Amino acid sequence: MASLLERAQCGEHDDALRLAEQALREPTGNLADGPPGMHFVRFVALLVDGRSSEAMDAVELMLQSAERDGSHGWRSCALSSRAWQRLMIDEQLAQHDVADVLQDLVDAEIALADGVDDSIIAENAHTGIALGYHQLRLYELALPQYEAAYAVSAQDGREAGNQAMWLCNMAALHLEWALELYRVRQVAAAEQHSVAAGVHAAMAIEKASGPDAERWRQDARLLAACAAADGPDPAGAAQSIE
């Protein structure tokens, strides 16, 4: 499942979707059946392919599957995926819809607190919650979830791009946080977040590994250059960004 998920995330989403749907139909012939992990692969593949409404339907099937299996981790992933994807699709949510999104994120945290032994599930669960809070600009709530995902990935021993990816997520979050603080003229606090963004970006360059290592290095270099724009040489940072 882990390798298929990485294929879905890294450009092979058509093949990943076909194989995931094949695995889901294998037990009974019904797409709704099968393990929640394969429903997650299907969700990600549809998302990467730009099929957002189908991806939302896939999340509902995943949630049903996770509840059938009694999987706290996959239930958390499904709830958080539904939350942040809803935010991505509809930027004009009514107040009661935002409350539903927040409830999904809180429920996802509660499900994750019940314990998850599988590192891959834990990484994706923490990240899903972080993405939801990040979209809502609740940076204080998003950052600990990104940090938890990174802590798990640092222990799982896989030669994948996960560590660099989480570090890039944290660097991007700090940059956005800095921008928000500049807008309300909290300059000293904004500068601290720019520094933090640069630190995380440098770590991402160092930690990049696996088949997509160069891709993550390039992403991290761009984030590092953006962070440097807040420093003593903005012209040099602009050249680095180019």
Protein backbone atom coordinates (compact mmCIF):
# COMPACT_ATOMS: atom_id res chain seq x y z
CA MET A 1 0.00 0.00 0.00
CA ALA A 2 2.79 2.44 0.89
CA SER A 3 4.55 2.13 -2.47
CA LEU A 4 1.24 2.48 -4.31
CA LEU A 5 0.44 5.62 -2.32
CA GLU A 6 3.80 7.13 -3.26
CA ARG A 7 3.14 6.31 -6.92
CA ALA A 8 -0.22 8.09 -6.66
CA GLN A 9 1.49 11.16 -5.18
CA CYS A 10 4.37 11.28 -7.65
CA GLY A 11 2.80 11.22 -11.11
CA GLU A 12 1.67 7.63 -11.53
CA HIS A 13 -1.85 8.30 -10.30
CA ASP A 14 -3.56 6.59 -13.25
CA ASP A 15 -1.85 3.27 -12.55
CA ALA A 16 -2.31 3.70 -8.80
CA LEU A 17 -6.04 4.32 -9.27
CA ARG A 18 -6.46 1.26 -11.46
CA LEU A 19 -4.59 -1.01 -9.03
CA ALA A 20 -6.36 0.40 -5.98
CA GLU A 21 -9.80 -0.11 -7.51
CA GLN A 22 -8.80 -3.63 -8.54
CA ALA A 23 -7.77 -4.41 -4.95
CA LEU A 24 -10.94 -2.85 -3.53
CA ARG A 25 -13.18 -4.98 -5.76
CA GLU A 26 -11.27 -8.17 -5.08
CA PRO A 27 -13.10 -9.29 -1.88
CA THR A 28 -16.70 -9.01 -3.13
CA GLY A 29 -16.66 -7.25 -6.50
CA ASN A 30 -18.04 -4.09 -4.89
CA LEU A 31 -15.88 -0.94 -4.95
CA ALA A 32 -17.20 0.06 -1.52
CA ASP A 33 -15.57 -2.98 0.03
CA GLY A 34 -11.90 -3.61 0.67
CA PRO A 35 -9.40 -2.16 3.15
CA PRO A 36 -9.40 1.54 4.11
CA GLY A 37 -5.76 1.94 3.04
CA MET A 38 -6.69 1.19 -0.56
CA HIS A 39 -9.57 3.64 -0.33
CA PHE A 40 -6.99 6.23 0.75
CA VAL A 41 -4.80 5.44 -2.27
CA ARG A 42 -7.86 5.83 -4.49
CA PHE A 43 -8.71 9.17 -2.84
CA VAL A 44 -5.18 10.51 -3.39
CA ALA A 45 -5.06 9.30 -7.00
CA LEU A 46 -8.39 10.99 -7.81
CA LEU A 47 -7.22 14.15 -6.08
CA VAL A 48 -3.97 14.32 -8.04
CA ASP A 49 -5.98 13.78 -11.24
CA GLY A 50 -8.15 16.80 -10.40
CA ARG A 51 -11.33 14.79 -9.89
CA SER A 52 -12.33 16.55 -6.69
CA SER A 53 -15.99 15.52 -6.43
CA GLU A 54 -15.09 11.86 -6.98
CA ALA A 55 -12.32 12.22 -4.38
CA MET A 56 -14.86 13.44 -1.83
CA ASP A 57 -17.03 10.40 -2.53
CA ALA A 58 -13.93 8.22 -2.10
CA VAL A 59 -13.33 9.73 1.35
CA GLU A 60 -16.84 8.73 2.45
CA LEU A 61 -16.19 5.13 1.34
CA MET A 62 -12.88 5.22 3.19
CA LEU A 63 -14.56 6.43 6.37
CA GLN A 64 -17.11 3.61 6.17
CA SER A 65 -14.34 1.08 5.61
CA ALA A 66 -12.27 2.39 8.53
CA GLU A 67 -15.26 2.19 10.84
CA ARG A 68 -15.99 -1.39 9.71
CA ASP A 69 -12.38 -2.34 10.44
CA GLY A 70 -12.26 -0.42 13.73
CA SER A 71 -9.14 1.41 12.50
CA HIS A 72 -8.57 4.60 14.52
CA GLY A 73 -5.73 5.71 12.27
CA TRP A 74 -7.54 5.36 8.96
CA ARG A 75 -10.67 6.91 10.47
CA SER A 76 -8.55 9.90 11.46
CA CYS A 77 -7.14 10.11 7.91
CA ALA A 78 -10.62 9.99 6.39
CA LEU A 79 -12.04 12.67 8.68
CA SER A 80 -9.15 15.08 8.17
CA SER A 81 -9.09 14.43 4.41
CA ARG A 82 -12.79 15.27 4.22
CA ALA A 83 -12.17 18.46 6.19
CA TRP A 84 -9.25 19.95 4.26
CA GLN A 85 -10.55 18.82 0.89
CA ARG A 86 -13.84 20.54 1.61
CA LEU A 87 -11.91 23.70 2.41
CA MET A 88 -10.00 23.43 -0.86
CA ILE A 89 -13.16 22.93 -2.95
CA ASP A 90 -15.36 25.59 -1.37
CA GLU A 91 -13.62 28.77 -0.25
CA GLN A 92 -16.97 30.42 0.57
CA LEU A 93 -18.06 28.09 3.38
CA ALA A 94 -20.94 29.24 5.56
CA GLN A 95 -20.34 29.51 9.29
CA HIS A 96 -22.07 26.20 10.03
CA ASP A 97 -19.96 24.51 7.33
CA VAL A 98 -16.76 25.77 8.97
CA ALA A 99 -18.04 24.34 12.24
CA ASP A 100 -18.48 20.95 10.51
CA VAL A 101 -14.92 21.15 9.16
CA LEU A 102 -13.55 21.94 12.61
CA GLN A 103 -15.56 19.09 14.09
CA ASP A 104 -14.03 16.68 11.59
CA LEU A 105 -10.54 17.89 12.52
CA VAL A 106 -11.23 17.57 16.24
CA ASP A 107 -12.71 14.09 15.74
CA ALA A 108 -9.64 13.17 13.67
CA GLU A 109 -7.38 14.23 16.53
CA ILE A 110 -9.44 12.22 19.01
CA ALA A 111 -9.27 9.12 16.80
CA LEU A 112 -5.50 9.51 16.46
CA ALA A 113 -5.12 9.88 20.23
CA ASP A 114 -6.51 6.35 20.62
CA GLY A 115 -3.19 5.06 19.25
CA VAL A 116 -1.81 4.08 15.85
CA ASP A 117 0.91 1.43 15.53
CA ASP A 118 1.54 1.73 11.77
CA SER A 119 3.94 4.59 11.01
CA ILE A 120 2.59 5.17 7.49
CA ILE A 121 -0.95 5.58 8.80
CA ALA A 122 0.27 7.85 11.61
CA GLU A 123 2.25 10.08 9.24
CA ASN A 124 -0.71 10.58 6.92
CA ALA A 125 -3.13 11.06 9.83
CA HIS A 126 -1.03 13.80 11.43
CA THR A 127 -0.49 15.47 8.07
CA GLY A 128 -4.17 15.42 7.19
CA ILE A 129 -5.03 17.22 10.42
CA ALA A 130 -2.22 19.71 9.84
CA LEU A 131 -3.45 20.48 6.32
CA GLY A 132 -6.93 21.26 7.61
CA TYR A 133 -5.71 23.63 10.30
CA HIS A 134 -3.21 25.13 7.84
CA GLN A 135 -5.98 25.94 5.36
CA LEU A 136 -7.88 27.65 8.16
CA ARG A 137 -4.73 29.66 9.05
CA LEU A 138 -4.72 28.10 12.50
CA TYR A 139 -0.96 27.83 12.37
CA GLU A 140 -0.54 27.17 16.10
CA LEU A 141 -2.66 24.02 15.72
CA ALA A 142 -1.17 22.91 12.39
CA LEU A 143 2.52 23.08 13.38
CA PRO A 144 2.44 20.38 16.12
CA GLN A 145 0.77 17.98 13.69
CA TYR A 146 3.45 18.56 11.03
CA GLU A 147 6.08 18.08 13.72
CA ALA A 148 4.45 14.81 14.81
CA ALA A 149 4.40 13.54 11.22
CA TYR A 150 8.10 14.35 10.88
CA ALA A 151 8.93 12.65 14.18
CA VAL A 152 7.20 9.45 13.02
CA SER A 153 8.85 9.53 9.58
CA ALA A 154 12.29 9.95 11.17
CA GLN A 155 11.79 6.57 12.87
CA ASP A 156 10.16 4.46 10.17
CA GLY A 157 13.42 3.66 8.33
CA ARG A 158 12.02 4.02 4.79
CA GLU A 159 14.14 5.57 2.04
CA ALA A 160 11.38 7.89 0.89
CA GLY A 161 10.96 11.64 0.59
CA ASN A 162 8.72 11.88 3.61
CA GLN A 163 11.12 13.66 5.97
CA ALA A 164 11.92 16.32 3.38
CA MET A 165 8.24 16.69 2.55
CA TRP A 166 7.20 17.33 6.16
CA LEU A 167 10.10 19.78 6.61
CA CYS A 168 9.01 21.64 3.47
CA ASN A 169 5.48 21.76 4.85
CA MET A 170 6.79 23.34 8.05
CA ALA A 171 8.93 25.82 6.13
CA ALA A 172 5.94 26.90 4.02
CA LEU A 173 3.79 27.24 7.14
CA HIS A 174 6.35 29.49 8.84
CA LEU A 175 6.59 31.67 5.71
CA GLU A 176 2.81 32.11 5.58
CA TRP A 177 2.73 32.76 9.32
CA ALA A 178 5.41 35.45 8.89
CA LEU A 179 3.39 37.12 6.13
CA GLU A 180 0.28 37.24 8.33
CA LEU A 181 2.31 38.80 11.15
CA TYR A 182 3.79 41.44 8.82
CA ARG A 183 0.27 42.38 7.80
CA VAL A 184 -0.54 43.28 11.42
CA ARG A 185 2.88 44.93 11.90
CA GLN A 186 4.30 42.38 14.33
CA VAL A 187 7.69 42.63 12.69
CA ALA A 188 9.87 40.94 15.32
CA ALA A 189 7.61 37.88 15.50
CA ALA A 190 7.42 37.74 11.69
CA GLU A 191 11.21 37.76 11.40
CA GLN A 192 11.45 34.83 13.84
CA HIS A 193 9.13 32.78 11.64
CA SER A 194 11.16 33.66 8.55
CA VAL A 195 14.27 32.37 10.33
CA ALA A 196 12.40 29.18 11.31
CA ALA A 197 11.34 28.72 7.69
CA GLY A 198 14.98 28.95 6.57
CA VAL A 199 16.07 26.40 9.18
CA HIS A 200 13.42 23.89 8.12
CA ALA A 201 14.19 24.42 4.44
CA ALA A 202 17.91 23.78 5.05
CA MET A 203 17.05 20.60 6.94
CA ALA A 204 14.82 19.48 4.06
CA ILE A 205 17.71 19.89 1.61
CA GLU A 206 19.90 17.77 3.87
CA LYS A 207 17.26 15.10 4.55
CA ALA A 208 16.04 14.65 0.96
CA SER A 209 16.41 11.01 -0.06
CA GLY A 210 14.81 8.33 -2.18
CA PRO A 211 13.80 8.46 -5.86
CA ASP A 212 12.27 11.95 -5.56
CA ALA A 213 15.16 13.46 -3.60
CA GLU A 214 16.05 16.07 -6.22
CA ARG A 215 12.45 17.22 -6.46
CA TRP A 216 12.34 17.83 -2.71
CA ARG A 217 15.73 19.58 -2.78
CA GLN A 218 14.44 21.97 -5.43
CA ASP A 219 11.30 22.69 -3.40
CA ALA A 220 13.39 23.24 -0.28
CA ARG A 221 15.83 25.54 -2.09
CA LEU A 222 12.93 27.71 -3.25
CA LEU A 223 11.56 27.90 0.30
CA ALA A 224 15.03 28.75 1.63
CA ALA A 225 15.33 31.55 -0.93
CA CYS A 226 11.92 32.92 0.06
CA ALA A 227 12.97 32.88 3.72
CA ALA A 228 16.20 34.70 2.83
CA ALA A 229 14.18 37.52 1.25
CA ASP A 230 13.58 38.66 4.83
CA GLY A 231 17.33 38.93 5.47
CA PRO A 232 20.10 41.43 4.70
CA ASP A 233 20.33 40.57 0.98
CA PRO A 234 16.79 40.63 -0.53
CA ALA A 235 18.19 41.22 -4.02
CA GLY A 236 20.29 38.09 -3.75
CA ALA A 237 17.27 36.17 -2.46
CA ALA A 238 15.23 37.36 -5.44
CA GLN A 239 17.94 36.08 -7.78
CA SER A 240 17.93 32.74 -5.96
CA ILE A 241 14.16 32.51 -6.33
CA GLU A 242 14.48 33.04 -10.08
